[in-house]
């Protein structure tokens, strides 16, 4: 009982944070049909500033870090990203009125990482005084890229198989008609059957001759390249590179760090407004997406938390680092993921995967997931 009461107290305290307050405020503003608008250019600039700051802090830490300590958390991040896609493929895709390609795309978006959710998690960790490895933010691409690649590969394999089956059915009908026509025209050999020399083609030979080979191979590098060129990941990697190769401590402390929380508050306001607007899109698809979007962030985050605990007891990964791994696992990409999936899985319905992510998944990850994982870490590992 002491464990439960301690956890609930910590959890309720996190719900009163200003970060979540701005998110809820944005949803309220949108719900009452306010004309308040934040220009898209300002939104993109804020995301860029936040991720540059996160990248700089990570790069500065990596410069002085033991890279061997990163190996196990990075491996776990990649495993979680891939696993999330397979979970969606084998759960969401089996539910009524859910198309398989839509489910795979949804899994890819939930497996990829939200830079804004990561920024919110880092801010809440700092407000709690929880220590974490600054390089932990660099786990972002280790989860993001494998998730997007896995989703696009699975979707390509599925659509290739469906195309192949469709071609086989079509060719089977053509073959049947062709044989019937040939039987009426071919010369008859002794015994009353068509001459084998005149009609030698078996069904398998005919199909192989007519349909050719369906190419289901998926090129991985273009997918990785698109992910790396995405605005969010590019900003984070740029910050990492500058932090590692230069000495940006002075500009970091005087400019990026002081602005971080204020910019994040505005970003949460925008995300709250966007989340409410996306609820309408969610009504266009099966209600199972809403159920999935409520459960998935918490389930994925707990998987990340469990693997983070393994790294904690194995390599000394900090409680704050465990929370970061959990937060990026619970998040769903809001910037780089959607355009990557639109290009990679064009047959998927964006209303399904973007609507479920932005309208439900992101608010759940922010309002419930981050406080939940911080509370668990503080209760189980005494981190703060």
Protein backbone atom coordinates (compact mmCIF):
# COMPACT_ATOMS: atom_id res chain seq x y z
CA UNK A 1 0.00 0.00 0.00
CA UNK A 2 2.86 2.40 0.73
CA UNK A 3 4.21 1.78 -2.77
CA UNK A 4 0.82 2.46 -4.37
CA UNK A 5 0.08 5.61 -2.34
CA UNK A 6 3.58 6.96 -2.97
CA UNK A 7 3.23 6.33 -6.69
CA UNK A 8 -0.24 7.90 -6.91
CA UNK A 9 0.94 11.00 -5.05
CA UNK A 10 3.87 11.46 -7.42
CA UNK A 11 1.66 10.79 -10.45
CA UNK A 12 -0.95 13.41 -9.44
CA UNK A 13 1.80 15.96 -8.84
CA UNK A 14 3.08 15.47 -12.41
CA UNK A 15 -0.38 16.15 -13.84
CA UNK A 16 -0.20 19.70 -12.44
CA UNK A 17 2.94 20.58 -14.38
CA UNK A 18 2.81 23.70 -16.63
CA UNK A 19 3.79 21.59 -19.64
CA UNK A 20 0.61 19.53 -19.42
CA UNK A 21 -1.38 22.62 -18.48
CA UNK A 22 -0.54 24.28 -21.80
CA UNK A 23 -1.45 21.07 -23.67
CA UNK A 24 -4.87 20.91 -22.00
CA UNK A 25 -5.29 24.66 -22.50
CA UNK A 26 -4.74 24.23 -26.24
CA UNK A 27 -7.41 21.55 -26.39
CA UNK A 28 -9.87 23.77 -24.50
CA UNK A 29 -9.16 26.72 -26.81
CA UNK A 30 -9.83 24.56 -29.86
CA UNK A 31 -12.95 23.03 -28.31
CA UNK A 32 -14.60 26.44 -27.85
CA UNK A 33 -13.82 27.35 -31.49
CA UNK A 34 -11.46 30.17 -30.62
CA UNK A 35 -9.84 32.03 -33.53
CA UNK A 36 -6.44 31.80 -31.86
CA UNK A 37 -3.84 30.53 -34.36
CA UNK A 38 -0.12 29.91 -34.20
CA UNK A 39 1.45 30.24 -37.67
CA UNK A 40 2.92 27.04 -39.02
CA UNK A 41 6.28 28.74 -39.59
CA UNK A 42 6.50 29.60 -35.88
CA UNK A 43 5.58 26.03 -34.94
CA UNK A 44 8.35 24.63 -37.12
CA UNK A 45 10.85 27.16 -35.75
CA UNK A 46 9.98 26.21 -32.17
CA UNK A 47 10.43 22.49 -32.91
CA UNK A 48 13.77 23.26 -34.57
CA UNK A 49 14.97 25.28 -31.57
CA UNK A 50 13.94 22.59 -29.09
CA UNK A 51 15.60 19.76 -31.00
CA UNK A 52 18.77 21.76 -31.63
CA UNK A 53 18.97 22.33 -27.88
CA UNK A 54 18.41 18.64 -27.15
CA UNK A 55 21.01 17.70 -29.76
CA UNK A 56 23.58 20.18 -28.45
CA UNK A 57 23.24 18.92 -24.89
CA UNK A 58 23.56 15.33 -26.10
CA UNK A 59 26.57 16.10 -28.29
CA UNK A 60 28.36 17.91 -25.47
CA UNK A 61 27.80 14.88 -23.23
CA UNK A 62 28.84 12.35 -25.89
CA UNK A 63 32.12 14.19 -26.35
CA UNK A 64 33.07 13.23 -22.80
CA UNK A 65 31.11 9.99 -22.49
CA UNK A 66 32.06 6.34 -22.59
CA UNK A 67 30.44 5.20 -25.85
CA UNK A 68 30.31 1.60 -24.60
CA UNK A 69 27.66 2.72 -22.10
CA UNK A 70 25.39 3.69 -24.98
CA UNK A 71 25.44 0.33 -26.75
CA UNK A 72 22.82 -1.54 -24.70
CA UNK A 73 20.30 1.36 -24.46
CA UNK A 74 20.73 2.01 -28.21
CA UNK A 75 20.13 -1.68 -28.96
CA UNK A 76 17.04 -1.69 -26.75
CA UNK A 77 15.74 1.45 -28.49
CA UNK A 78 16.02 -0.25 -31.89
CA UNK A 79 14.33 -3.40 -30.57
CA UNK A 80 11.41 -1.40 -29.16
CA UNK A 81 10.91 0.50 -32.43
CA UNK A 82 10.75 -2.72 -34.45
CA UNK A 83 8.65 -4.56 -31.88
CA UNK A 84 5.99 -1.83 -31.82
CA UNK A 85 5.36 -2.27 -35.56
CA UNK A 86 4.97 -6.03 -35.20
CA UNK A 87 2.59 -5.54 -32.26
CA UNK A 88 0.33 -3.37 -34.45
CA UNK A 89 0.60 -5.86 -37.33
CA UNK A 90 -0.58 -8.71 -35.13
CA UNK A 91 -3.18 -6.91 -32.99
CA UNK A 92 -4.65 -3.80 -34.61
CA UNK A 93 -4.60 -5.37 -38.09
CA UNK A 94 -6.78 -8.26 -36.86
CA UNK A 95 -9.56 -6.07 -35.50
CA UNK A 96 -12.84 -5.55 -37.42
CA UNK A 97 -12.90 -2.87 -40.15
CA UNK A 98 -9.17 -2.23 -39.85
CA UNK A 99 -7.15 -2.50 -43.05
CA UNK A 100 -3.78 -4.19 -42.73
CA UNK A 101 -1.78 -1.42 -44.44
CA UNK A 102 -3.46 1.19 -42.20
CA UNK A 103 -2.57 -0.86 -39.12
CA UNK A 104 1.05 -1.25 -40.22
CA UNK A 105 1.35 2.49 -40.91
CA UNK A 106 -0.15 3.24 -37.50
CA UNK A 107 2.38 0.92 -35.88
CA UNK A 108 5.17 2.68 -37.77
CA UNK A 109 4.04 6.10 -36.57
CA UNK A 110 3.74 4.91 -32.97
CA UNK A 111 7.11 3.19 -33.21
CA UNK A 112 8.76 6.36 -34.51
CA UNK A 113 9.62 9.16 -32.09
CA UNK A 114 8.04 12.53 -31.35
CA UNK A 115 10.66 15.23 -30.87
CA UNK A 116 8.18 17.42 -29.02
CA UNK A 117 7.20 14.63 -26.60
CA UNK A 118 10.88 13.94 -25.99
CA UNK A 119 11.43 17.64 -25.28
CA UNK A 120 8.51 17.64 -22.85
CA UNK A 121 9.90 14.60 -21.06
CA UNK A 122 13.33 16.19 -20.70
CA UNK A 123 11.79 19.35 -19.27
CA UNK A 124 9.80 17.42 -16.70
CA UNK A 125 12.88 15.42 -15.71
CA UNK A 126 14.78 18.65 -15.14
CA UNK A 127 11.94 20.13 -13.11
CA UNK A 128 11.98 17.00 -10.94
CA UNK A 129 15.75 17.21 -10.51
CA UNK A 130 16.19 13.72 -11.96
CA UNK A 131 19.65 13.05 -13.34
CA UNK A 132 19.99 11.45 -16.76
CA UNK A 133 22.70 10.88 -19.31
CA UNK A 134 22.68 13.84 -21.72
CA UNK A 135 23.37 11.42 -24.56
CA UNK A 136 20.09 9.64 -23.80
CA UNK A 137 18.35 12.04 -26.21
CA UNK A 138 20.52 10.55 -28.95
CA UNK A 139 18.51 7.30 -28.62
CA UNK A 140 15.91 9.06 -30.80
CA UNK A 141 17.19 7.88 -34.22
CA UNK A 142 17.94 4.37 -32.96
CA UNK A 143 14.21 3.86 -32.42
CA UNK A 144 12.82 6.18 -35.08
CA UNK A 145 14.54 4.84 -38.20
CA UNK A 146 14.10 1.07 -37.49
CA UNK A 147 10.39 1.60 -36.80
CA UNK A 148 9.76 3.49 -40.05
CA UNK A 149 11.85 1.06 -42.11
CA UNK A 150 10.11 -1.96 -40.57
CA UNK A 151 6.64 -0.50 -41.23
CA UNK A 152 7.38 0.32 -44.86
CA UNK A 153 9.02 -3.08 -45.47
CA UNK A 154 6.09 -4.99 -43.91
CA UNK A 155 3.57 -2.93 -45.87
CA UNK A 156 5.49 -3.46 -49.11
CA UNK A 157 5.69 -7.22 -48.55
CA UNK A 158 1.96 -7.36 -47.74
CA UNK A 159 0.88 -5.32 -50.77
CA UNK A 160 3.25 -7.35 -52.97
CA UNK A 161 1.66 -10.59 -51.82
CA UNK A 162 -1.83 -9.17 -52.35
CA UNK A 163 -0.86 -8.06 -55.84
CA UNK A 164 0.59 -11.49 -56.60
CA UNK A 165 -2.56 -13.27 -55.40
CA UNK A 166 -4.72 -10.94 -57.47
CA UNK A 167 -2.61 -11.63 -60.55
CA UNK A 168 -2.80 -15.37 -59.98
CA UNK A 169 -6.59 -15.26 -59.75
CA UNK A 170 -6.81 -13.16 -62.90
CA UNK A 171 -4.42 -15.40 -64.81
CA UNK A 172 -6.21 -18.52 -63.66
CA UNK A 173 -9.40 -17.21 -65.23
CA UNK A 174 -7.53 -16.29 -68.40
CA UNK A 175 -5.93 -19.75 -68.52
CA UNK A 176 -9.30 -21.49 -68.16
CA UNK A 177 -10.79 -19.48 -71.01
CA UNK A 178 -7.70 -20.01 -73.15
CA UNK A 179 -7.76 -23.79 -72.67
CA UNK A 180 -11.45 -23.98 -73.54
CA UNK A 181 -10.82 -22.00 -76.72
CA UNK A 182 -7.77 -24.13 -77.59
CA UNK A 183 -9.68 -27.38 -77.12
CA UNK A 184 -12.15 -26.30 -79.76
CA UNK A 185 -9.43 -25.33 -82.26
CA UNK A 186 -6.51 -27.75 -81.76
CA UNK A 187 -6.05 -30.83 -84.01
CA UNK A 188 -7.03 -34.06 -82.35
CA UNK A 189 -4.49 -36.86 -81.96
CA UNK A 190 -5.24 -40.57 -81.79
CA UNK A 191 -7.45 -41.32 -78.82
CA UNK A 192 -9.50 -38.13 -79.18
CA UNK A 193 -7.30 -35.77 -77.09
CA UNK A 194 -5.39 -32.64 -78.12
CA UNK A 195 -1.90 -33.37 -79.41
CA UNK A 196 0.72 -32.90 -76.64
CA UNK A 197 3.02 -31.25 -79.18
CA UNK A 198 0.31 -28.72 -80.07
CA UNK A 199 -0.76 -28.01 -76.46
CA UNK A 200 2.19 -28.67 -74.13
CA UNK A 201 1.73 -25.92 -71.55
CA UNK A 202 0.82 -26.97 -68.01
CA UNK A 203 -0.94 -24.58 -65.61
CA UNK A 204 2.26 -23.83 -63.72
CA UNK A 205 4.23 -23.21 -66.91
CA UNK A 206 1.49 -21.01 -68.30
CA UNK A 207 1.30 -18.89 -65.15
CA UNK A 208 5.05 -18.52 -64.95
CA UNK A 209 5.22 -17.47 -68.60
CA UNK A 210 2.37 -14.96 -68.38
CA UNK A 211 2.80 -13.23 -65.05
CA UNK A 212 6.57 -12.98 -64.82
CA UNK A 213 8.14 -12.40 -61.42
CA UNK A 214 6.50 -10.03 -58.95
CA UNK A 215 9.25 -7.92 -57.43
CA UNK A 216 8.57 -7.63 -53.69
CA UNK A 217 12.05 -6.43 -52.79
CA UNK A 218 12.16 -3.24 -50.75
CA UNK A 219 15.02 -0.77 -51.02
CA UNK A 220 16.07 0.11 -47.47
CA UNK A 221 18.48 2.97 -48.08
CA UNK A 222 15.90 5.43 -49.55
CA UNK A 223 13.76 4.91 -46.43
CA UNK A 224 16.71 5.58 -44.11
CA UNK A 225 17.69 8.58 -46.23
CA UNK A 226 14.18 10.06 -46.05
CA UNK A 227 14.16 9.60 -42.26
CA UNK A 228 17.56 11.24 -41.87
CA UNK A 229 16.46 14.14 -44.07
CA UNK A 230 13.28 14.72 -42.07
CA UNK A 231 13.19 18.11 -40.36
CA UNK A 232 13.04 16.80 -36.78
CA UNK A 233 15.78 14.21 -37.10
CA UNK A 234 17.97 16.58 -39.14
CA UNK A 235 17.77 19.22 -36.40
CA UNK A 236 18.59 16.70 -33.69
CA UNK A 237 21.53 15.23 -35.62
CA UNK A 238 22.82 18.71 -36.45
CA UNK A 239 22.79 19.60 -32.77
CA UNK A 240 24.57 16.35 -31.91
CA UNK A 241 27.26 17.00 -34.53
CA UNK A 242 27.81 20.57 -33.35
CA UNK A 243 27.96 19.43 -29.74
CA UNK A 244 30.55 16.75 -30.54
CA UNK A 245 32.74 18.58 -33.07
CA UNK A 246 32.64 22.13 -31.68
CA UNK A 247 32.52 23.77 -28.25
CA UNK A 248 29.08 25.42 -28.16
CA UNK A 249 28.78 25.64 -24.36
CA UNK A 250 28.65 29.45 -24.28
CA UNK A 251 25.83 29.85 -26.81
CA UNK A 252 24.06 26.85 -25.31
CA UNK A 253 23.99 28.34 -21.80
CA UNK A 254 23.24 31.91 -22.85
CA UNK A 255 20.65 31.32 -25.60
CA UNK A 256 19.24 27.82 -26.12
CA UNK A 257 18.87 26.68 -22.52
CA UNK A 258 17.02 29.78 -21.16
CA UNK A 259 14.48 29.70 -24.00
CA UNK A 260 13.77 25.98 -23.77
CA UNK A 261 10.83 25.89 -21.34
CA UNK A 262 9.07 28.93 -22.78
CA UNK A 263 9.23 27.57 -26.30
CA UNK A 264 8.08 24.17 -25.09
CA UNK A 265 5.00 25.73 -23.45
CA UNK A 266 3.98 27.32 -26.77
CA UNK A 267 4.58 24.01 -28.54
CA UNK A 268 2.30 22.20 -26.08
CA UNK A 269 -0.40 24.80 -26.73
CA UNK A 270 -0.15 24.18 -30.48
CA UNK A 271 -0.19 20.41 -30.00
CA UNK A 272 -3.30 20.63 -27.84
CA UNK A 273 -5.10 22.62 -30.53
CA UNK A 274 -3.93 20.19 -33.21
CA UNK A 275 -5.00 17.18 -31.15
CA UNK A 276 -8.54 18.49 -30.82
CA UNK A 277 -8.72 19.27 -34.53
CA UNK A 278 -7.64 15.73 -35.41
CA UNK A 279 -10.47 14.14 -33.44
CA UNK A 280 -12.72 14.75 -36.45
CA UNK A 281 -10.39 12.70 -38.63
CA UNK A 282 -10.57 9.83 -36.19
CA UNK A 283 -14.34 9.60 -36.70
CA UNK A 284 -13.74 8.73 -40.36
CA UNK A 285 -12.10 5.40 -39.51
CA UNK A 286 -12.87 2.45 -37.25
CA UNK A 287 -13.26 3.20 -33.55
CA UNK A 288 -10.64 0.56 -32.83
CA UNK A 289 -7.99 3.15 -33.71
CA UNK A 290 -9.08 5.25 -30.74
CA UNK A 291 -8.87 2.23 -28.44
CA UNK A 292 -5.44 1.36 -29.80
CA UNK A 293 -4.24 4.96 -29.42
CA UNK A 294 -5.20 4.95 -25.73
CA UNK A 295 -3.56 1.62 -24.90
CA UNK A 296 -0.52 1.69 -27.20
CA UNK A 297 1.46 4.61 -25.70
CA UNK A 298 1.27 3.12 -22.21
CA UNK A 299 2.03 -0.43 -23.38
CA UNK A 300 4.95 0.69 -25.54
CA UNK A 301 6.28 2.91 -22.78
CA UNK A 302 6.14 0.06 -20.25
CA UNK A 303 8.08 -2.15 -22.68
CA UNK A 304 10.70 0.59 -22.94
CA UNK A 305 10.68 0.99 -19.17
CA UNK A 306 11.23 -2.74 -18.66
CA UNK A 307 14.19 -2.85 -21.05
CA UNK A 308 15.52 0.35 -19.48
CA UNK A 309 15.41 -1.36 -16.09
CA UNK A 310 17.51 -4.19 -17.54
CA UNK A 311 20.05 -1.62 -18.74
CA UNK A 312 19.88 0.09 -15.33
CA UNK A 313 20.83 -3.04 -13.43
CA UNK A 314 23.28 -4.23 -16.10
CA UNK A 315 25.21 -1.09 -17.02
CA UNK A 316 24.12 1.52 -14.47
CA UNK A 317 21.78 3.34 -16.88
CA UNK A 318 20.29 6.16 -14.81
CA UNK A 319 16.63 6.30 -13.68
CA UNK A 320 16.25 9.45 -15.79
CA UNK A 321 17.65 7.56 -18.78
CA UNK A 322 15.11 4.81 -18.20
CA UNK A 323 12.35 7.44 -18.27
CA UNK A 324 13.68 8.88 -21.54
CA UNK A 325 13.68 5.44 -23.16
CA UNK A 326 10.11 4.97 -21.93
CA UNK A 327 9.00 8.38 -23.17
CA UNK A 328 10.33 7.93 -26.70
CA UNK A 329 8.76 4.46 -26.79
CA UNK A 330 5.41 5.93 -25.72
CA UNK A 331 5.59 8.81 -28.19
CA UNK A 332 4.40 8.78 -31.79
CA UNK A 333 6.08 10.81 -34.49
CA UNK A 334 4.42 14.15 -35.22
CA UNK A 335 6.90 15.73 -37.64
CA UNK A 336 9.13 13.39 -39.65
CA UNK A 337 7.01 10.23 -39.47
CA UNK A 338 3.83 11.29 -41.35
CA UNK A 339 5.54 12.46 -44.57
CA UNK A 340 7.82 9.40 -44.55
CA UNK A 341 4.84 7.05 -44.24
CA UNK A 342 2.79 8.96 -46.82
CA UNK A 343 5.57 8.37 -49.33
CA UNK A 344 6.48 4.85 -48.21
CA UNK A 345 2.95 3.46 -47.71
CA UNK A 346 0.81 5.47 -50.14
CA UNK A 347 -2.14 3.08 -49.84
CA UNK A 348 -2.51 3.72 -46.10
CA UNK A 349 -5.15 6.18 -44.90
CA UNK A 350 -3.50 9.19 -43.16
CA UNK A 351 -6.71 9.84 -41.21
CA UNK A 352 -6.16 6.50 -39.50
CA UNK A 353 -2.54 6.76 -38.41
CA UNK A 354 -2.19 10.54 -38.06
CA UNK A 355 -5.61 10.98 -36.46
CA UNK A 356 -5.07 8.26 -33.87
CA UNK A 357 -1.58 9.55 -33.10
CA UNK A 358 -2.20 13.28 -32.83
CA UNK A 359 -5.74 13.24 -31.44
CA UNK A 360 -5.28 10.51 -28.83
CA UNK A 361 -1.79 8.99 -28.70
CA UNK A 362 0.21 12.16 -28.11
CA UNK A 363 -2.04 13.58 -25.35
CA UNK A 364 -1.99 10.18 -23.61
CA UNK A 365 1.82 10.01 -23.82
CA UNK A 366 2.18 13.56 -22.49
CA UNK A 367 -0.56 13.73 -19.88
CA UNK A 368 -0.41 10.16 -18.59
CA UNK A 369 2.76 8.50 -19.90
CA UNK A 370 5.43 10.98 -18.77
CA UNK A 371 4.08 11.35 -15.21
CA UNK A 372 3.57 7.59 -15.03
CA UNK A 373 7.14 6.72 -16.01
CA UNK A 374 8.70 9.39 -13.81
CA UNK A 375 6.63 8.20 -10.88
CA UNK A 376 7.60 4.56 -11.51
CA UNK A 377 11.30 5.46 -11.77
CA UNK A 378 11.24 7.49 -8.57
CA UNK A 379 9.37 4.78 -6.71
CA UNK A 380 11.33 1.77 -7.98
CA UNK A 381 14.82 3.28 -8.36
CA UNK A 382 14.73 6.36 -6.16
CA UNK A 383 15.64 8.64 -9.05
CA UNK A 384 14.98 12.07 -7.60
